[in-house]
PDB file of N, CA and C in Angstrom:
ATOM      1  N   MET A   1       0.866  -1.153   0.023  1.00  0.00           N
ATOM      2  CA  MET A   1       0.012   0.006   0.010  1.00  0.00           C
ATOM      3  C   MET A   1       0.894   1.288   0.041  1.00  0.00           C
ATOM      4  N   ASN A   2       0.543   2.176  -0.864  1.00  0.00           N
ATOM      5  CA  ASN A   2       1.353   3.401  -1.078  1.00  0.00           C
ATOM      6  C   ASN A   2       0.749   4.484  -0.100  1.00  0.00           C
ATOM      7  N   ASN A   3       1.565   4.830   0.898  1.00  0.00           N
ATOM      8  CA  ASN A   3       1.108   5.880   1.827  1.00  0.00           C
ATOM      9  C   ASN A   3       1.802   7.193   1.625  1.00  0.00           C
ATOM     10  N   VAL A   4       2.461   7.317   0.508  1.00  0.00           N
ATOM     11  CA  VAL A   4       3.260   8.538   0.209  1.00  0.00           C
ATOM     12  C   VAL A   4       2.394   9.432  -0.599  1.00  0.00           C
ATOM     13  N   ILE A   5       1.944  10.526  -0.060  1.00  0.00           N
ATOM     14  CA  ILE A   5       1.065  11.498  -0.762  1.00  0.00           C
ATOM     15  C   ILE A   5       1.508  12.976  -0.428  1.00  0.00           C
ATOM     16  N   LYS A   6       0.930  13.892  -1.144  1.00  0.00           N
ATOM     17  CA  LYS A   6       1.178  15.289  -0.851  1.00  0.00           C
ATOM     18  C   LYS A   6       0.496  15.690   0.435  1.00  0.00           C
ATOM     19  N   LEU A   7       1.149  16.503   1.170  1.00  0.00           N
ATOM     20  CA  LEU A   7       0.557  16.973   2.474  1.00  0.00           C
ATOM     21  C   LEU A   7      -0.794  17.636   2.252  1.00  0.00           C
ATOM     22  N   SER A   8      -0.943  18.269   1.150  1.00  0.00           N
ATOM     23  CA  SER A   8      -2.230  18.952   0.846  1.00  0.00           C
ATOM     24  C   SER A   8      -3.398  17.936   0.749  1.00  0.00           C
ATOM     25  N   GLU A   9      -3.146  16.687   0.548  1.00  0.00           N
ATOM     26  CA  GLU A   9      -4.189  15.678   0.423  1.00  0.00           C
ATOM     27  C   GLU A   9      -4.497  14.971   1.723  1.00  0.00           C
ATOM     28  N   ALA A  10      -3.795  15.335   2.754  1.00  0.00           N
ATOM     29  CA  ALA A  10      -3.911  14.612   4.047  1.00  0.00           C
ATOM     30  C   ALA A  10      -5.243  15.033   4.747  1.00  0.00           C
ATOM     31  N   ARG A  11      -5.616  14.169   5.725  1.00  0.00           N
ATOM     32  CA  ARG A  11      -6.829  14.464   6.499  1.00  0.00           C
ATOM     33  C   ARG A  11      -6.436  14.741   7.933  1.00  0.00           C
ATOM     34  N   VAL A  12      -7.281  15.409   8.749  1.00  0.00           N
ATOM     35  CA  VAL A  12      -7.028  15.687  10.105  1.00  0.00           C
ATOM     36  C   VAL A  12      -6.676  14.352  10.894  1.00  0.00           C
ATOM     37  N   GLY A  13      -5.579  14.407  11.636  1.00  0.00           N
ATOM     38  CA  GLY A  13      -5.197  13.247  12.475  1.00  0.00           C
ATOM     39  C   GLY A  13      -4.118  12.386  11.828  1.00  0.00           C
ATOM     40  N   GLN A  14      -3.859  12.578  10.499  1.00  0.00           N
ATOM     41  CA  GLN A  14      -2.869  11.720   9.888  1.00  0.00           C
ATOM     42  C   GLN A  14      -1.488  12.225  10.270  1.00  0.00           C
ATOM     43  N   ARG A  15      -0.629  11.329  10.555  1.00  0.00           N
ATOM     44  CA  ARG A  15       0.749  11.663  10.936  1.00  0.00           C
ATOM     45  C   ARG A  15       1.723  10.947   9.987  1.00  0.00           C
ATOM     46  N   GLY A  16       2.856  11.523   9.761  1.00  0.00           N
ATOM     47  CA  GLY A  16       3.851  10.914   8.844  1.00  0.00           C
ATOM     48  C   GLY A  16       5.194  11.627   8.907  1.00  0.00           C
ATOM     49  N   VAL A  17       6.033  11.257   7.948  1.00  0.00           N
ATOM     50  CA  VAL A  17       7.378  11.793   7.861  1.00  0.00           C
ATOM     51  C   VAL A  17       7.563  12.418   6.478  1.00  0.00           C
ATOM     52  N   ILE A  18       8.103  13.582   6.435  1.00  0.00           N
ATOM     53  CA  ILE A  18       8.360  14.328   5.198  1.00  0.00           C
ATOM     54  C   ILE A  18       9.430  13.597   4.451  1.00  0.00           C
ATOM     55  N   THR A  19       9.151  13.275   3.175  1.00  0.00           N
ATOM     56  CA  THR A  19      10.147  12.550   2.345  1.00  0.00           C
ATOM     57  C   THR A  19      10.692  13.474   1.223  1.00  0.00           C
ATOM     58  N   GLU A  20      10.018  14.560   0.924  1.00  0.00           N
ATOM     59  CA  GLU A  20      10.498  15.464  -0.110  1.00  0.00           C
ATOM     60  C   GLU A  20       9.960  16.936   0.125  1.00  0.00           C
ATOM     61  N   VAL A  21      10.893  17.830  -0.054  1.00  0.00           N
ATOM     62  CA  VAL A  21      10.467  19.263   0.055  1.00  0.00           C
ATOM     63  C   VAL A  21      10.632  19.965  -1.266  1.00  0.00           C
ATOM     64  N   GLY A  22       9.614  20.576  -1.809  1.00  0.00           N
ATOM     65  CA  GLY A  22       9.682  21.277  -3.033  1.00  0.00           C
ATOM     66  C   GLY A  22       9.426  20.404  -4.222  1.00  0.00           C
ATOM     67  N   THR A  23       9.343  21.007  -5.394  1.00  0.00           N
ATOM     68  CA  THR A  23       9.013  20.247  -6.578  1.00  0.00           C
ATOM     69  C   THR A  23      10.321  19.858  -7.337  1.00  0.00           C
ATOM     70  N   HIS A  24      11.491  20.354  -6.931  1.00  0.00           N
ATOM     71  CA  HIS A  24      12.760  20.200  -7.582  1.00  0.00           C
ATOM     72  C   HIS A  24      12.667  20.683  -9.014  1.00  0.00           C
ATOM     73  N   CYS A  25      11.774  21.566  -9.314  1.00  0.00           N
ATOM     74  CA  CYS A  25      11.634  22.287 -10.569  1.00  0.00           C
ATOM     75  C   CYS A  25      11.913  23.718 -10.323  1.00  0.00           C
ATOM     76  N   HIS A  26      13.129  24.129 -10.490  1.00  0.00           N
ATOM     77  CA  HIS A  26      13.616  25.442 -10.019  1.00  0.00           C
ATOM     78  C   HIS A  26      13.570  26.447 -11.178  1.00  0.00           C
ATOM     79  N   HIS A  27      12.705  26.288 -12.101  1.00  0.00           N
ATOM     80  CA  HIS A  27      12.627  27.246 -13.212  1.00  0.00           C
ATOM     81  C   HIS A  27      11.820  28.510 -12.866  1.00  0.00           C
ATOM     82  N   GLN A  28      10.965  28.383 -11.859  1.00  0.00           N
ATOM     83  CA  GLN A  28      10.157  29.513 -11.440  1.00  0.00           C
ATOM     84  C   GLN A  28      10.702  30.068 -10.098  1.00  0.00           C
ATOM     85  N   ALA A  29      10.837  31.371 -10.012  1.00  0.00           N
ATOM     86  CA  ALA A  29      11.422  31.951  -8.820  1.00  0.00           C
ATOM     87  C   ALA A  29      10.457  31.750  -7.651  1.00  0.00           C
ATOM     88  N   GLU A  30       9.184  31.732  -7.862  1.00  0.00           N
ATOM     89  CA  GLU A  30       8.239  31.590  -6.716  1.00  0.00           C
ATOM     90  C   GLU A  30       8.355  30.182  -6.147  1.00  0.00           C
ATOM     91  N   ASP A  31       8.639  29.154  -7.001  1.00  0.00           N
ATOM     92  CA  ASP A  31       8.852  27.762  -6.415  1.00  0.00           C
ATOM     93  C   ASP A  31      10.069  27.649  -5.520  1.00  0.00           C
ATOM     94  N   VAL A  32      11.181  28.407  -5.933  1.00  0.00           N
ATOM     95  CA  VAL A  32      12.423  28.392  -5.203  1.00  0.00           C
ATOM     96  C   VAL A  32      12.126  29.088  -3.831  1.00  0.00           C
ATOM     97  N   GLU A  33      11.408  30.259  -3.891  1.00  0.00           N
ATOM     98  CA  GLU A  33      11.091  30.995  -2.742  1.00  0.00           C
ATOM     99  C   GLU A  33      10.266  30.207  -1.734  1.00  0.00           C
ATOM    100  N   LEU A  34       9.207  29.502  -2.278  1.00  0.00           N
ATOM    101  CA  LEU A  34       8.377  28.652  -1.393  1.00  0.00           C
ATOM    102  C   LEU A  34       9.230  27.536  -0.720  1.00  0.00           C
ATOM    103  N   GLU A  35      10.017  26.941  -1.538  1.00  0.00           N
ATOM    104  CA  GLU A  35      10.851  25.792  -0.936  1.00  0.00           C
ATOM    105  C   GLU A  35      11.725  26.386   0.172  1.00  0.00           C
ATOM    106  N   ARG A  36      12.387  27.480  -0.044  1.00  0.00           N
ATOM    107  CA  ARG A  36      13.202  28.127   0.934  1.00  0.00           C
ATOM    108  C   ARG A  36      12.418  28.464   2.241  1.00  0.00           C
ATOM    109  N   ARG A  37      11.232  28.973   2.052  1.00  0.00           N
ATOM    110  CA  ARG A  37      10.420  29.380   3.178  1.00  0.00           C
ATOM    111  C   ARG A  37      10.033  28.140   4.009  1.00  0.00           C
ATOM    112  N   LEU A  38       9.581  27.017   3.343  1.00  0.00           N
ATOM    113  CA  LEU A  38       9.198  25.781   3.977  1.00  0.00           C
ATOM    114  C   LEU A  38      10.377  25.243   4.802  1.00  0.00           C
ATOM    115  N   LEU A  39      11.543  25.253   4.202  1.00  0.00           N
ATOM    116  CA  LEU A  39      12.745  24.767   4.884  1.00  0.00           C
ATOM    117  C   LEU A  39      13.066  25.543   6.136  1.00  0.00           C
ATOM    118  N   GLU A  40      12.882  26.923   6.027  1.00  0.00           N
ATOM    119  CA  GLU A  40      13.070  27.808   7.196  1.00  0.00           C
ATOM    120  C   GLU A  40      12.034  27.505   8.249  1.00  0.00           C
ATOM    121  N   LEU A  41      10.865  27.074   7.956  1.00  0.00           N
ATOM    122  CA  LEU A  41       9.810  26.826   8.890  1.00  0.00           C
ATOM    123  C   LEU A  41      10.055  25.438   9.603  1.00  0.00           C
ATOM    124  N   GLY A  42      10.961  24.651   9.122  1.00  0.00           N
ATOM    125  CA  GLY A  42      11.206  23.392   9.698  1.00  0.00           C
ATOM    126  C   GLY A  42      10.705  22.164   8.910  1.00  0.00           C
ATOM    127  N   PHE A  43      10.150  22.447   7.748  1.00  0.00           N
ATOM    128  CA  PHE A  43       9.697  21.343   6.926  1.00  0.00           C
ATOM    129  C   PHE A  43      10.878  20.745   6.184  1.00  0.00           C
ATOM    130  N   VAL A  44      11.635  19.887   6.868  1.00  0.00           N
ATOM    131  CA  VAL A  44      12.794  19.275   6.254  1.00  0.00           C
ATOM    132  C   VAL A  44      12.535  17.784   6.158  1.00  0.00           C
ATOM    133  N   GLU A  45      13.275  17.162   5.270  1.00  0.00           N
ATOM    134  CA  GLU A  45      13.173  15.712   5.074  1.00  0.00           C
ATOM    135  C   GLU A  45      13.431  14.980   6.391  1.00  0.00           C
ATOM    136  N   GLY A  46      12.524  14.079   6.799  1.00  0.00           N
ATOM    137  CA  GLY A  46      12.694  13.309   7.952  1.00  0.00           C
ATOM    138  C   GLY A  46      11.953  13.888   9.189  1.00  0.00           C
ATOM    139  N   ALA A  47      11.409  15.130   9.030  1.00  0.00           N
ATOM    140  CA  ALA A  47      10.626  15.762  10.095  1.00  0.00           C
ATOM    141  C   ALA A  47       9.247  15.058  10.275  1.00  0.00           C
ATOM    142  N   GLN A  48       8.802  14.884  11.504  1.00  0.00           N
ATOM    143  CA  GLN A  48       7.539  14.253  11.843  1.00  0.00           C
ATOM    144  C   GLN A  48       6.427  15.358  11.629  1.00  0.00           C
ATOM    145  N   VAL A  49       5.317  15.043  10.911  1.00  0.00           N
ATOM    146  CA  VAL A  49       4.321  16.054  10.794  1.00  0.00           C
ATOM    147  C   VAL A  49       2.941  15.386  11.155  1.00  0.00           C
ATOM    148  N   GLU A  50       2.004  16.251  11.587  1.00  0.00           N
ATOM    149  CA  GLU A  50       0.649  15.744  11.849  1.00  0.00           C
ATOM    150  C   GLU A  50      -0.336  16.896  11.431  1.00  0.00           C
ATOM    151  N   LEU A  51      -1.319  16.549  10.701  1.00  0.00           N
ATOM    152  CA  LEU A  51      -2.382  17.519  10.283  1.00  0.00           C
ATOM    153  C   LEU A  51      -3.311  17.633  11.538  1.00  0.00           C
ATOM    154  N   ILE A  52      -3.401  18.768  12.114  1.00  0.00           N
ATOM    155  CA  ILE A  52      -4.180  18.954  13.358  1.00  0.00           C
ATOM    156  C   ILE A  52      -5.408  19.766  13.192  1.00  0.00           C
ATOM    157  N   HIS A  53      -5.590  20.534  12.039  1.00  0.00           N
ATOM    158  CA  HIS A  53      -6.757  21.350  11.860  1.00  0.00           C
ATOM    159  C   HIS A  53      -6.936  21.693  10.443  1.00  0.00           C
ATOM    160  N   GLU A  54      -8.163  21.842   9.973  1.00  0.00           N
ATOM    161  CA  GLU A  54      -8.467  22.284   8.617  1.00  0.00           C
ATOM    162  C   GLU A  54      -9.421  23.528   8.775  1.00  0.00           C
ATOM    163  N   GLY A  55      -9.317  24.443   7.833  1.00  0.00           N
ATOM    164  CA  GLY A  55     -10.145  25.581   7.786  1.00  0.00           C
ATOM    165  C   GLY A  55     -11.601  25.203   7.464  1.00  0.00           C
ATOM    166  N   LEU A  56     -12.474  26.063   7.767  1.00  0.00           N
ATOM    167  CA  LEU A  56     -13.964  25.771   7.645  1.00  0.00           C
ATOM    168  C   LEU A  56     -14.382  25.696   6.121  1.00  0.00           C
ATOM    169  N   PHE A  57     -13.849  26.597   5.313  1.00  0.00           N
ATOM    170  CA  PHE A  57     -14.287  26.773   3.924  1.00  0.00           C
ATOM    171  C   PHE A  57     -13.163  26.104   2.972  1.00  0.00           C
ATOM    172  N   GLY A  58     -13.500  25.026   2.311  1.00  0.00           N
ATOM    173  CA  GLY A  58     -12.604  24.400   1.398  1.00  0.00           C
ATOM    174  C   GLY A  58     -11.497  23.688   2.145  1.00  0.00           C
ATOM    175  N   ARG A  59     -11.626  23.448   3.415  1.00  0.00           N
ATOM    176  CA  ARG A  59     -10.594  22.817   4.269  1.00  0.00           C
ATOM    177  C   ARG A  59      -9.261  23.535   4.103  1.00  0.00           C
ATOM    178  N   ASP A  60      -9.263  24.863   4.006  1.00  0.00           N
ATOM    179  CA  ASP A  60      -8.097  25.600   3.822  1.00  0.00           C
ATOM    180  C   ASP A  60      -8.147  26.877   4.650  1.00  0.00           C
ATOM    181  N   PRO A  61      -7.163  27.321   5.348  1.00  0.00           N
ATOM    182  CA  PRO A  61      -5.766  26.726   5.430  1.00  0.00           C
ATOM    183  C   PRO A  61      -5.823  25.511   6.335  1.00  0.00           C
ATOM    184  N   ILE A  62      -4.565  24.915   6.604  1.00  0.00           N
ATOM    185  CA  ILE A  62      -4.467  23.778   7.426  1.00  0.00           C
ATOM    186  C   ILE A  62      -3.447  24.126   8.471  1.00  0.00           C
ATOM    187  N   ALA A  63      -3.566  23.523   9.637  1.00  0.00           N
ATOM    188  CA  ALA A  63      -2.626  23.633  10.733  1.00  0.00           C
ATOM    189  C   ALA A  63      -1.839  22.311  10.851  1.00  0.00           C
ATOM    190  N   ILE A  64      -0.542  22.446  10.947  1.00  0.00           N
ATOM    191  CA  ILE A  64       0.295  21.256  10.928  1.00  0.00           C
ATOM    192  C   ILE A  64       1.196  21.301  12.095  1.00  0.00           C
ATOM    193  N   LYS A  65       1.377  20.188  12.798  1.00  0.00           N
ATOM    194  CA  LYS A  65       2.376  20.055  13.866  1.00  0.00           C
ATOM    195  C   LYS A  65       3.616  19.508  13.237  1.00  0.00           C
ATOM    196  N   VAL A  66       4.713  20.303  13.236  1.00  0.00           N
ATOM    197  CA  VAL A  66       5.985  19.907  12.699  1.00  0.00           C
ATOM    198  C   VAL A  66       6.928  19.677  13.879  1.00  0.00           C
ATOM    199  N   ASP A  67       7.325  18.450  14.108  1.00  0.00           N
ATOM    200  CA  ASP A  67       8.072  18.138  15.390  1.00  0.00           C
ATOM    201  C   ASP A  67       7.356  18.779  16.577  1.00  0.00           C
ATOM    202  N   ASP A  68       7.906  19.782  17.172  1.00  0.00           N
ATOM    203  CA  ASP A  68       7.309  20.435  18.344  1.00  0.00           C
ATOM    204  C   ASP A  68       6.624  21.798  18.010  1.00  0.00           C
ATOM    205  N   MET A  69       6.533  22.181  16.730  1.00  0.00           N
ATOM    206  CA  MET A  69       5.978  23.505  16.418  1.00  0.00           C
ATOM    207  C   MET A  69       4.596  23.282  15.727  1.00  0.00           C
ATOM    208  N   ARG A  70       3.816  24.323  15.690  1.00  0.00           N
ATOM    209  CA  ARG A  70       2.558  24.283  14.927  1.00  0.00           C
ATOM    210  C   ARG A  70       2.639  25.426  13.881  1.00  0.00           C
ATOM    211  N   VAL A  71       2.294  25.024  12.660  1.00  0.00           N
ATOM    212  CA  VAL A  71       2.408  26.012  11.546  1.00  0.00           C
ATOM    213  C   VAL A  71       1.174  25.895  10.678  1.00  0.00           C
ATOM    214  N   ALA A  72       0.701  27.136  10.257  1.00  0.00           N
ATOM    215  CA  ALA A  72      -0.442  27.107   9.300  1.00  0.00           C
ATOM    216  C   ALA A  72       0.014  27.343   7.927  1.00  0.00           C
ATOM    217  N   LEU A  73      -0.526  26.593   6.986  1.00  0.00           N
ATOM    218  CA  LEU A  73      -0.132  26.698   5.511  1.00  0.00           C
ATOM    219  C   LEU A  73      -1.425  26.644   4.728  1.00  0.00           C
ATOM    220  N   ARG A  74      -1.336  27.219   3.543  1.00  0.00           N
ATOM    221  CA  ARG A  74      -2.420  26.998   2.577  1.00  0.00           C
ATOM    222  C   ARG A  74      -2.157  25.744   1.897  1.00  0.00           C
ATOM    223  N   ARG A  75      -3.277  25.097   1.428  1.00  0.00           N
ATOM    224  CA  ARG A  75      -3.120  23.763   0.770  1.00  0.00           C
ATOM    225  C   ARG A  75      -2.179  23.780  -0.400  1.00  0.00           C
ATOM    226  N   ARG A  76      -2.248  24.924  -1.174  1.00  0.00           N
ATOM    227  CA  ARG A  76      -1.319  24.976  -2.361  1.00  0.00           C
ATOM    228  C   ARG A  76       0.079  25.005  -1.956  1.00  0.00           C
ATOM    229  N   GLU A  77       0.404  25.518  -0.750  1.00  0.00           N
ATOM    230  CA  GLU A  77       1.811  25.548  -0.244  1.00  0.00           C
ATOM    231  C   GLU A  77       2.113  24.073   0.227  1.00  0.00           C
ATOM    232  N   ALA A  78       1.145  23.492   0.854  1.00  0.00           N
ATOM    233  CA  ALA A  78       1.405  22.111   1.389  1.00  0.00           C
ATOM    234  C   ALA A  78       1.537  21.109   0.252  1.00  0.00           C
ATOM    235  N   ALA A  79       1.098  21.488  -0.939  1.00  0.00           N
ATOM    236  CA  ALA A  79       1.242  20.528  -2.143  1.00  0.00           C
ATOM    237  C   ALA A  79       2.756  20.371  -2.458  1.00  0.00           C
ATOM    238  N   SER A  80       3.581  21.221  -1.983  1.00  0.00           N
ATOM    239  CA  SER A  80       5.047  21.168  -2.264  1.00  0.00           C
ATOM    240  C   SER A  80       5.731  20.224  -1.325  1.00  0.00           C
ATOM    241  N   LEU A  81       5.009  19.585  -0.331  1.00  0.00           N
ATOM    242  CA  LEU A  81       5.569  18.619   0.609  1.00  0.00           C
ATOM    243  C   LEU A  81       5.079  17.239   0.336  1.00  0.00           C
ATOM    244  N   THR A  82       5.927  16.298   0.204  1.00  0.00           N
ATOM    245  CA  THR A  82       5.532  14.857   0.088  1.00  0.00           C
ATOM    246  C   THR A  82       5.816  14.174   1.397  1.00  0.00           C
ATOM    247  N   VAL A  83       4.779  13.454   1.904  1.00  0.00           N
ATOM    248  CA  VAL A  83       4.891  12.836   3.206  1.00  0.00           C
ATOM    249  C   VAL A  83       4.529  11.359   3.092  1.00  0.00           C
ATOM    250  N   ASP A  84       5.277  10.537   3.827  1.00  0.00           N
ATOM    251  CA  ASP A  84       4.996   9.108   3.943  1.00  0.00           C
ATOM    252  C   ASP A  84       4.211   8.877   5.210  1.00  0.00           C
ATOM    253  N   PHE A  85       2.959   8.654   5.088  1.00  0.00           N
ATOM    254  CA  PHE A  85       2.051   8.461   6.245  1.00  0.00           C
ATOM    255  C   PHE A  85       2.135   7.092   6.771  1.00  0.00           C
ATOM    256  N   GLY A  86       2.809   6.169   6.124  1.00  0.00           N
ATOM    257  CA  GLY A  86       3.005   4.818   6.624  1.00  0.00           C
ATOM    258  C   GLY A  86       4.212   4.678   7.413  1.00  0.00           C
ATOM    259  N   ALA A  87       5.204   5.535   7.240  1.00  0.00           N
ATOM    260  CA  ALA A  87       6.439   5.470   7.963  1.00  0.00           C
ATOM    261  C   ALA A  87       6.237   5.707   9.418  1.00  0.00           C
ATOM    262  N   ASP A  88       5.366   6.609   9.838  1.00  0.00           N
ATOM    263  CA  ASP A  88       5.119   6.963  11.183  1.00  0.00           C
ATOM    264  C   ASP A  88       4.507   5.785  11.949  1.00  0.00           C
ATOM    265  N   ALA A  89       3.487   5.158  11.216  1.00  0.00           N
ATOM    266  CA  ALA A  89       2.860   3.953  11.855  1.00  0.00           C
ATOM    267  C   ALA A  89       3.725   2.810  12.031  1.00  0.00           C
ATOM    268  N   ALA A  90       4.678   2.606  11.085  1.00  0.00           N
ATOM    269  CA  ALA A  90       5.647   1.512  11.185  1.00  0.00           C
ATOM    270  C   ALA A  90       6.646   1.724  12.282  1.00  0.00           C
ATOM    271  N   ALA A  91       7.051   3.067  12.486  1.00  0.00           N
ATOM    272  CA  ALA A  91       7.983   3.374  13.556  1.00  0.00           C
ATOM    273  C   ALA A  91       7.275   3.193  15.006  1.00  0.00           C
ATOM    274  N   GLU A  92       6.011   3.513  15.099  1.00  0.00           N
ATOM    275  CA  GLU A  92       5.339   3.329  16.306  1.00  0.00           C
ATOM    276  C   GLU A  92       5.186   1.846  16.659  1.00  0.00           C
ATOM    277  N   ALA A  93       4.910   1.038  15.598  1.00  0.00           N
ATOM    278  CA  ALA A  93       4.701  -0.389  15.777  1.00  0.00           C
ATOM    279  C   ALA A  93       6.002  -1.100  16.214  1.00  0.00           C
ATOM    280  N   ALA A  94       7.171  -0.500  15.811  1.00  0.00           N
ATOM    281  CA  ALA A  94       8.478  -1.024  16.127  1.00  0.00           C
ATOM    282  C   ALA A  94       8.851  -0.787  17.582  1.00  0.00           C
ATOM    283  N   GLU A  95       8.236   0.352  18.174  1.00  0.00           N
ATOM    284  CA  GLU A  95       8.567   0.745  19.527  1.00  0.00           C
ATOM    285  C   GLU A  95       7.980  -0.182  20.583  1.00  0.00           C
TER     286      GLU A  95
END
């Protein structure tokens, strides 16, 4: 079962590990700026994330717990993050 999806597609309560930040398509300046901003906020590969809240209209924006911080993002920004939601469950089962 493939549990690797974009963070923008996640549902409240899902927890996982970031596997990729950005689109790796650096032809657009705004893509580079968004990736830099996400990295500065702590969205790095290997970070634990949990979707903790969704906005009322269109489920946007979303609140995400990143390690020990809480960050709000728009879903279009969260689409730049790829998360493995199966990795967290496998790590908890191993403990």
